[in-house]
Amino acid sequence: MTDFEKGAMNAGRSVFTQSNRDLSEMTCRNLSTVLKSVEHLMLFQNIYVIEITEWSLVNDRN
């Protein structure tokens, strides 16, 4: 499992396991925060992949 996948799972898990509260107590705000966290992780992963690809292409030419 990649760090990205672990981060996304932890972000999701933190909403659903808040001291074993009922799901009915889960607020829209908490869900929104998790979705933003996952979105940032995905954005970070995409940038990371692009940087590695560009670095590989530069090194292949040398």
PDB file of N, CA and C in Angstrom:
ATOM      1  N   MET A   1       0.852  -1.194   0.000  1.00  0.00           N
ATOM      2  CA  MET A   1       0.000   0.000   0.000  1.00  0.00           C
ATOM      3  C   MET A   1       0.889   1.245   0.000  1.00  0.00           C
ATOM      4  N   THR A   2       0.568   2.175  -0.876  1.00  0.00           N
ATOM      5  CA  THR A   2       1.379   3.395  -0.980  1.00  0.00           C
ATOM      6  C   THR A   2       1.047   4.355   0.165  1.00  0.00           C
ATOM      7  N   ASP A   3       1.919   5.340   0.372  1.00  0.00           N
ATOM      8  CA  ASP A   3       1.663   6.364   1.391  1.00  0.00           C
ATOM      9  C   ASP A   3       0.382   7.119   1.067  1.00  0.00           C
ATOM     10  N   PHE A   4       0.134   7.339  -0.220  1.00  0.00           N
ATOM     11  CA  PHE A   4      -1.092   8.019  -0.648  1.00  0.00           C
ATOM     12  C   PHE A   4      -2.320   7.238  -0.202  1.00  0.00           C
ATOM     13  N   GLU A   5      -2.305   5.923  -0.440  1.00  0.00           N
ATOM     14  CA  GLU A   5      -3.452   5.085  -0.068  1.00  0.00           C
ATOM     15  C   GLU A   5      -3.640   5.065   1.446  1.00  0.00           C
ATOM     16  N   LYS A   6      -2.534   4.969   2.187  1.00  0.00           N
ATOM     17  CA  LYS A   6      -2.627   4.985   3.656  1.00  0.00           C
ATOM     18  C   LYS A   6      -3.225   6.295   4.146  1.00  0.00           C
ATOM     19  N   GLY A   7      -2.761   7.412   3.565  1.00  0.00           N
ATOM     20  CA  GLY A   7      -3.265   8.727   3.963  1.00  0.00           C
ATOM     21  C   GLY A   7      -4.748   8.867   3.681  1.00  0.00           C
ATOM     22  N   ALA A   8      -5.168   8.397   2.514  1.00  0.00           N
ATOM     23  CA  ALA A   8      -6.586   8.486   2.154  1.00  0.00           C
ATOM     24  C   ALA A   8      -7.425   7.627   3.085  1.00  0.00           C
ATOM     25  N   MET A   9      -6.935   6.424   3.406  1.00  0.00           N
ATOM     26  CA  MET A   9      -7.679   5.539   4.311  1.00  0.00           C
ATOM     27  C   MET A   9      -7.765   6.146   5.711  1.00  0.00           C
ATOM     28  N   ASN A  10      -6.665   6.703   6.189  1.00  0.00           N
ATOM     29  CA  ASN A  10      -6.668   7.308   7.525  1.00  0.00           C
ATOM     30  C   ASN A  10      -7.598   8.509   7.581  1.00  0.00           C
ATOM     31  N   ALA A  11      -7.617   9.311   6.514  1.00  0.00           N
ATOM     32  CA  ALA A  11      -8.509  10.475   6.480  1.00  0.00           C
ATOM     33  C   ALA A  11      -9.962  10.019   6.531  1.00  0.00           C
ATOM     34  N   GLY A  12     -10.296   8.980   5.792  1.00  0.00           N
ATOM     35  CA  GLY A  12     -11.661   8.457   5.798  1.00  0.00           C
ATOM     36  C   GLY A  12     -12.011   7.815   7.124  1.00  0.00           C
ATOM     37  N   ARG A  13     -11.068   7.053   7.681  1.00  0.00           N
ATOM     38  CA  ARG A  13     -11.320   6.326   8.924  1.00  0.00           C
ATOM     39  C   ARG A  13     -11.551   7.288  10.082  1.00  0.00           C
ATOM     40  N   SER A  14     -10.863   8.434  10.078  1.00  0.00           N
ATOM     41  CA  SER A  14     -10.979   9.358  11.206  1.00  0.00           C
ATOM     42  C   SER A  14     -12.402   9.886  11.367  1.00  0.00           C
ATOM     43  N   VAL A  15     -13.150   9.981  10.281  1.00  0.00           N
ATOM     44  CA  VAL A  15     -14.530  10.450  10.375  1.00  0.00           C
ATOM     45  C   VAL A  15     -15.422   9.371  10.970  1.00  0.00           C
ATOM     46  N   PHE A  16     -15.213   8.126  10.552  1.00  0.00           N
ATOM     47  CA  PHE A  16     -16.143   7.072  10.926  1.00  0.00           C
ATOM     48  C   PHE A  16     -15.844   6.441  12.286  1.00  0.00           C
ATOM     49  N   THR A  17     -14.686   6.739  12.867  1.00  0.00           N
ATOM     50  CA  THR A  17     -14.363   6.105  14.143  1.00  0.00           C
ATOM     51  C   THR A  17     -14.170   7.111  15.274  1.00  0.00           C
ATOM     52  N   GLN A  18     -14.783   8.264  15.168  1.00  0.00           N
ATOM     53  CA  GLN A  18     -14.662   9.245  16.249  1.00  0.00           C
ATOM     54  C   GLN A  18     -15.328   8.688  17.497  1.00  0.00           C
ATOM     55  N   SER A  19     -14.522   8.110  18.351  1.00  0.00           N
ATOM     56  CA  SER A  19     -14.977   7.524  19.612  1.00  0.00           C
ATOM     57  C   SER A  19     -16.296   6.756  19.461  1.00  0.00           C
ATOM     58  N   ASN A  20     -16.387   5.959  18.410  1.00  0.00           N
ATOM     59  CA  ASN A  20     -17.542   5.079  18.147  1.00  0.00           C
ATOM     60  C   ASN A  20     -18.893   5.781  18.174  1.00  0.00           C
ATOM     61  N   ARG A  21     -18.938   7.010  17.731  1.00  0.00           N
ATOM     62  CA  ARG A  21     -20.215   7.724  17.678  1.00  0.00           C
ATOM     63  C   ARG A  21     -21.090   7.128  16.590  1.00  0.00           C
ATOM     64  N   ASP A  22     -22.380   7.329  16.723  1.00  0.00           N
ATOM     65  CA  ASP A  22     -23.294   6.904  15.660  1.00  0.00           C
ATOM     66  C   ASP A  22     -23.002   7.688  14.403  1.00  0.00           C
ATOM     67  N   LEU A  23     -23.206   7.070  13.251  1.00  0.00           N
ATOM     68  CA  LEU A  23     -23.001   7.781  11.987  1.00  0.00           C
ATOM     69  C   LEU A  23     -23.938   8.979  11.879  1.00  0.00           C
ATOM     70  N   SER A  24     -25.093   8.890  12.547  1.00  0.00           N
ATOM     71  CA  SER A  24     -26.041  10.004  12.490  1.00  0.00           C
ATOM     72  C   SER A  24     -25.455  11.277  13.095  1.00  0.00           C
ATOM     73  N   GLU A  25     -24.438  11.128  13.958  1.00  0.00           N
ATOM     74  CA  GLU A  25     -23.809  12.298  14.578  1.00  0.00           C
ATOM     75  C   GLU A  25     -22.719  12.894  13.701  1.00  0.00           C
ATOM     76  N   MET A  26     -22.370  12.173  12.642  1.00  0.00           N
ATOM     77  CA  MET A  26     -21.315  12.673  11.761  1.00  0.00           C
ATOM     78  C   MET A  26     -21.820  13.909  11.026  1.00  0.00           C
ATOM     79  N   THR A  27     -21.092  14.975  11.136  1.00  0.00           N
ATOM     80  CA  THR A  27     -21.566  16.218  10.528  1.00  0.00           C
ATOM     81  C   THR A  27     -21.066  16.365   9.100  1.00  0.00           C
ATOM     82  N   CYS A  28     -21.772  17.162   8.327  1.00  0.00           N
ATOM     83  CA  CYS A  28     -21.359  17.442   6.955  1.00  0.00           C
ATOM     84  C   CYS A  28     -19.998  18.129   6.950  1.00  0.00           C
ATOM     85  N   ARG A  29     -19.744  18.907   7.977  1.00  0.00           N
ATOM     86  CA  ARG A  29     -18.468  19.621   8.039  1.00  0.00           C
ATOM     87  C   ARG A  29     -17.299  18.647   8.142  1.00  0.00           C
ATOM     88  N   ASN A  30     -17.449  17.605   8.964  1.00  0.00           N
ATOM     89  CA  ASN A  30     -16.387  16.611   9.103  1.00  0.00           C
ATOM     90  C   ASN A  30     -16.140  15.894   7.786  1.00  0.00           C
ATOM     91  N   LEU A  31     -17.215  15.524   7.108  1.00  0.00           N
ATOM     92  CA  LEU A  31     -17.091  14.823   5.835  1.00  0.00           C
ATOM     93  C   LEU A  31     -16.414  15.722   4.804  1.00  0.00           C
ATOM     94  N   SER A  32     -16.780  16.990   4.810  1.00  0.00           N
ATOM     95  CA  SER A  32     -16.182  17.953   3.886  1.00  0.00           C
ATOM     96  C   SER A  32     -14.676  18.055   4.125  1.00  0.00           C
ATOM     97  N   THR A  33     -14.275  18.084   5.387  1.00  0.00           N
ATOM     98  CA  THR A  33     -12.850  18.174   5.733  1.00  0.00           C
ATOM     99  C   THR A  33     -12.095  16.963   5.211  1.00  0.00           C
ATOM    100  N   VAL A  34     -12.676  15.775   5.370  1.00  0.00           N
ATOM    101  CA  VAL A  34     -12.014  14.556   4.903  1.00  0.00           C
ATOM    102  C   VAL A  34     -11.894  14.560   3.385  1.00  0.00           C
ATOM    103  N   LEU A  35     -12.964  14.964   2.710  1.00  0.00           N
ATOM    104  CA  LEU A  35     -12.924  14.993   1.250  1.00  0.00           C
ATOM    105  C   LEU A  35     -11.850  15.958   0.766  1.00  0.00           C
ATOM    106  N   LYS A  36     -11.704  17.094   1.435  1.00  0.00           N
ATOM    107  CA  LYS A  36     -10.658  18.048   1.066  1.00  0.00           C
ATOM    108  C   LYS A  36      -9.278  17.446   1.311  1.00  0.00           C
ATOM    109  N   SER A  37      -9.119  16.713   2.405  1.00  0.00           N
ATOM    110  CA  SER A  37      -7.835  16.075   2.712  1.00  0.00           C
ATOM    111  C   SER A  37      -7.468  15.073   1.631  1.00  0.00           C
ATOM    112  N   VAL A  38      -8.444  14.261   1.232  1.00  0.00           N
ATOM    113  CA  VAL A  38      -8.199  13.255   0.196  1.00  0.00           C
ATOM    114  C   VAL A  38      -7.883  13.951  -1.124  1.00  0.00           C
ATOM    115  N   GLU A  39      -8.598  15.042  -1.400  1.00  0.00           N
ATOM    116  CA  GLU A  39      -8.361  15.794  -2.635  1.00  0.00           C
ATOM    117  C   GLU A  39      -6.932  16.347  -2.653  1.00  0.00           C
ATOM    118  N   HIS A  40      -6.464  16.854  -1.511  1.00  0.00           N
ATOM    119  CA  HIS A  40      -5.099  17.377  -1.427  1.00  0.00           C
ATOM    120  C   HIS A  40      -4.089  16.257  -1.608  1.00  0.00           C
ATOM    121  N   LEU A  41      -4.371  15.096  -1.036  1.00  0.00           N
ATOM    122  CA  LEU A  41      -3.462  13.962  -1.203  1.00  0.00           C
ATOM    123  C   LEU A  41      -3.371  13.562  -2.671  1.00  0.00           C
ATOM    124  N   MET A  42      -4.520  13.544  -3.349  1.00  0.00           N
ATOM    125  CA  MET A  42      -4.534  13.167  -4.754  1.00  0.00           C
ATOM    126  C   MET A  42      -3.748  14.190  -5.575  1.00  0.00           C
ATOM    127  N   LEU A  43      -3.934  15.471  -5.270  1.00  0.00           N
ATOM    128  CA  LEU A  43      -3.218  16.529  -5.968  1.00  0.00           C
ATOM    129  C   LEU A  43      -1.716  16.367  -5.735  1.00  0.00           C
ATOM    130  N   PHE A  44      -1.337  16.108  -4.493  1.00  0.00           N
ATOM    131  CA  PHE A  44       0.071  15.923  -4.151  1.00  0.00           C
ATOM    132  C   PHE A  44       0.643  14.734  -4.917  1.00  0.00           C
ATOM    133  N   GLN A  45      -0.106  13.641  -4.974  1.00  0.00           N
ATOM    134  CA  GLN A  45       0.382  12.450  -5.666  1.00  0.00           C
ATOM    135  C   GLN A  45       0.592  12.736  -7.150  1.00  0.00           C
ATOM    136  N   ASN A  46      -0.334  13.456  -7.758  1.00  0.00           N
ATOM    137  CA  ASN A  46      -0.199  13.782  -9.180  1.00  0.00           C
ATOM    138  C   ASN A  46       1.039  14.625  -9.440  1.00  0.00           C
ATOM    139  N   ILE A  47       1.291  15.595  -8.593  1.00  0.00           N
ATOM    140  CA  ILE A  47       2.475  16.456  -8.757  1.00  0.00           C
ATOM    141  C   ILE A  47       3.742  15.615  -8.592  1.00  0.00           C
ATOM    142  N   TYR A  48       3.721  14.726  -7.613  1.00  0.00           N
ATOM    143  CA  TYR A  48       4.856  13.866  -7.317  1.00  0.00           C
ATOM    144  C   TYR A  48       5.187  12.979  -8.525  1.00  0.00           C
ATOM    145  N   VAL A  49       4.162  12.394  -9.126  1.00  0.00           N
ATOM    146  CA  VAL A  49       4.354  11.522 -10.291  1.00  0.00           C
ATOM    147  C   VAL A  49       4.909  12.316 -11.470  1.00  0.00           C
ATOM    148  N   ILE A  50       4.363  13.515 -11.693  1.00  0.00           N
ATOM    149  CA  ILE A  50       4.840  14.358 -12.801  1.00  0.00           C
ATOM    150  C   ILE A  50       6.312  14.717 -12.598  1.00  0.00           C
ATOM    151  N   GLU A  51       6.695  15.066 -11.373  1.00  0.00           N
ATOM    152  CA  GLU A  51       8.087  15.448 -11.112  1.00  0.00           C
ATOM    153  C   GLU A  51       9.034  14.286 -11.354  1.00  0.00           C
ATOM    154  N   ILE A  52       8.659  13.102 -10.919  1.00  0.00           N
ATOM    155  CA  ILE A  52       9.507  11.926 -11.123  1.00  0.00           C
ATOM    156  C   ILE A  52       9.640  11.628 -12.622  1.00  0.00           C
ATOM    157  N   THR A  53       8.537  11.743 -13.347  1.00  0.00           N
ATOM    158  CA  THR A  53       8.554  11.473 -14.790  1.00  0.00           C
ATOM    159  C   THR A  53       9.485  12.453 -15.496  1.00  0.00           C
ATOM    160  N   GLU A  54       9.369  13.738 -15.151  1.00  0.00           N
ATOM    161  CA  GLU A  54      10.227  14.744 -15.781  1.00  0.00           C
ATOM    162  C   GLU A  54      11.692  14.502 -15.423  1.00  0.00           C
ATOM    163  N   TRP A  55      11.960  14.135 -14.193  1.00  0.00           N
ATOM    164  CA  TRP A  55      13.327  13.862 -13.746  1.00  0.00           C
ATOM    165  C   TRP A  55      13.896  12.679 -14.524  1.00  0.00           C
ATOM    166  N   SER A  56      13.093  11.635 -14.726  1.00  0.00           N
ATOM    167  CA  SER A  56      13.525  10.455 -15.472  1.00  0.00           C
ATOM    168  C   SER A  56      13.848  10.815 -16.917  1.00  0.00           C
ATOM    169  N   LEU A  57      12.994  11.649 -17.526  1.00  0.00           N
ATOM    170  CA  LEU A  57      13.217  12.030 -18.923  1.00  0.00           C
ATOM    171  C   LEU A  57      14.517  12.822 -19.072  1.00  0.00           C
ATOM    172  N   VAL A  58      14.775  13.722 -18.128  1.00  0.00           N
ATOM    173  CA  VAL A  58      16.007  14.524 -18.181  1.00  0.00           C
ATOM    174  C   VAL A  58      17.215  13.605 -18.034  1.00  0.00           C
ATOM    175  N   ASN A  59      17.159  12.654 -17.113  1.00  0.00           N
ATOM    176  CA  ASN A  59      18.297  11.764 -16.896  1.00  0.00           C
ATOM    177  C   ASN A  59      18.521  10.803 -18.052  1.00  0.00           C
ATOM    178  N   ASP A  60      17.454  10.425 -18.745  1.00  0.00           N
ATOM    179  CA  ASP A  60      17.592   9.531 -19.899  1.00  0.00           C
ATOM    180  C   ASP A  60      18.359  10.213 -21.027  1.00  0.00           C
ATOM    181  N   ARG A  61      18.205  11.539 -21.132  1.00  0.00           N
ATOM    182  CA  ARG A  61      18.882  12.272 -22.211  1.00  0.00           C
ATOM    183  C   ARG A  61      20.375  12.409 -21.939  1.00  0.00           C
ATOM    184  N   ASN A  62      20.775  12.416 -20.672  1.00  0.00           N
ATOM    185  CA  ASN A  62      22.195  12.628 -20.320  1.00  0.00           C
ATOM    186  C   ASN A  62      22.997  11.349 -20.445  1.00  0.00           C
TER     187      ASN A  62
END
